[in-house]
Amino acid sequence: MSGTFCKGIKPFEENNEHQRFITRIESNRLMLAVHQSENIHLKYIVPILILSGCRRNEVLISAASCAGRLMG
C-alpha cells in the first residue's frame, strides 16, 4: 500500500471551542472572595487574570520571562 487509502476523505473539523465571559455579578463575588481570602497574593493575581483574559500559566510564563530579563 502506498498510504493513499485516505485520499479524498475530508478531515473531520472539530468545533468544540467554547468561550464564556465572567459577568459583572460573578466578578464582584469573586473579588469579594479574594478580599476575604487569607492568601495575600490573590488581590494582585485575580485582577490581572480578569482584565487580561490570560490563563494562569500564560501570566506565570510572562512574569517569569520578565523577571529573567530584569535579573540580567
Protein backbone atom coordinates (compact mmCIF):
# COMPACT_ATOMS: atom_id res chain seq x y z
CA MET A 1 0.00 0.00 0.00
CA SER A 2 1.24 3.44 -0.84
CA GLY A 3 -0.59 5.20 2.02
CA THR A 4 -3.21 6.79 -0.22
CA PHE A 5 -6.19 4.86 1.09
CA CYS A 6 -7.48 8.07 2.78
CA LYS A 7 -7.16 10.15 -0.37
CA GLY A 8 -10.29 12.17 -0.96
CA ILE A 9 -11.57 11.84 2.62
CA LYS A 10 -12.08 15.25 4.18
CA PRO A 11 -10.67 15.55 7.73
CA PHE A 12 -13.23 15.95 10.49
CA GLU A 13 -13.42 19.56 11.67
CA GLU A 14 -13.67 19.86 15.44
CA ASN A 15 -15.60 22.85 16.64
CA ASN A 16 -15.60 22.31 20.38
CA GLU A 17 -14.33 25.75 21.27
CA HIS A 18 -16.50 27.41 23.88
CA GLN A 19 -16.00 30.93 25.12
CA ARG A 20 -17.59 32.27 28.23
CA PHE A 21 -17.05 35.63 29.84
CA ILE A 22 -17.40 36.41 33.52
CA THR A 23 -20.44 38.53 34.36
CA ARG A 24 -20.31 41.68 36.47
CA ILE A 25 -22.09 39.87 39.31
CA GLU A 26 -19.62 36.97 39.15
CA SER A 27 -16.72 39.41 39.06
CA ASN A 28 -18.00 41.24 42.14
CA ARG A 29 -18.49 37.97 44.02
CA LEU A 30 -15.04 36.78 43.02
CA MET A 31 -13.36 39.99 44.19
CA LEU A 32 -15.26 39.83 47.49
CA ALA A 33 -14.00 36.28 48.00
CA VAL A 34 -10.47 37.40 47.07
CA HIS A 35 -10.53 40.15 49.69
CA GLN A 36 -11.81 37.70 52.31
CA SER A 37 -9.11 35.15 51.46
CA GLU A 38 -6.09 34.58 53.67
CA ASN A 39 -3.92 34.42 50.54
CA ILE A 40 -2.39 37.90 50.31
CA HIS A 41 -1.31 37.42 46.69
CA LEU A 42 -4.78 36.85 45.25
CA LYS A 43 -5.67 40.54 45.32
CA TYR A 44 -2.90 41.13 42.78
CA ILE A 45 -3.24 37.97 40.70
CA VAL A 46 -7.00 37.76 40.12
CA PRO A 47 -7.43 41.28 38.64
CA ILE A 48 -4.59 40.58 36.18
CA LEU A 49 -6.31 37.38 35.08
CA ILE A 50 -9.71 39.06 34.75
CA LEU A 51 -8.51 42.16 32.92
CA SER A 52 -6.04 40.44 30.60
CA GLY A 53 -8.13 37.39 29.75
CA CYS A 54 -4.98 35.31 30.04
CA ARG A 55 -4.83 31.86 31.52
CA ARG A 56 -2.93 31.36 34.76
CA ASN A 57 0.04 29.69 33.06
CA GLU A 58 0.24 32.43 30.44
CA VAL A 59 0.62 35.03 33.19
CA LEU A 60 3.16 32.91 35.07
CA ILE A 61 5.27 32.35 31.95
CA SER A 62 5.12 36.05 31.11
CA ALA A 63 6.11 37.03 34.65
CA ALA A 64 9.00 34.56 34.66
CA SER A 65 10.19 35.86 31.30
CA CYS A 66 10.02 39.44 32.53
CA ALA A 67 11.81 38.57 35.77
CA GLY A 68 14.54 36.84 33.78
CA ARG A 69 15.10 39.98 31.72
CA LEU A 70 15.17 42.17 34.83
CA MET A 71 17.72 39.93 36.53
CA GLY A 72 20.04 40.19 33.57
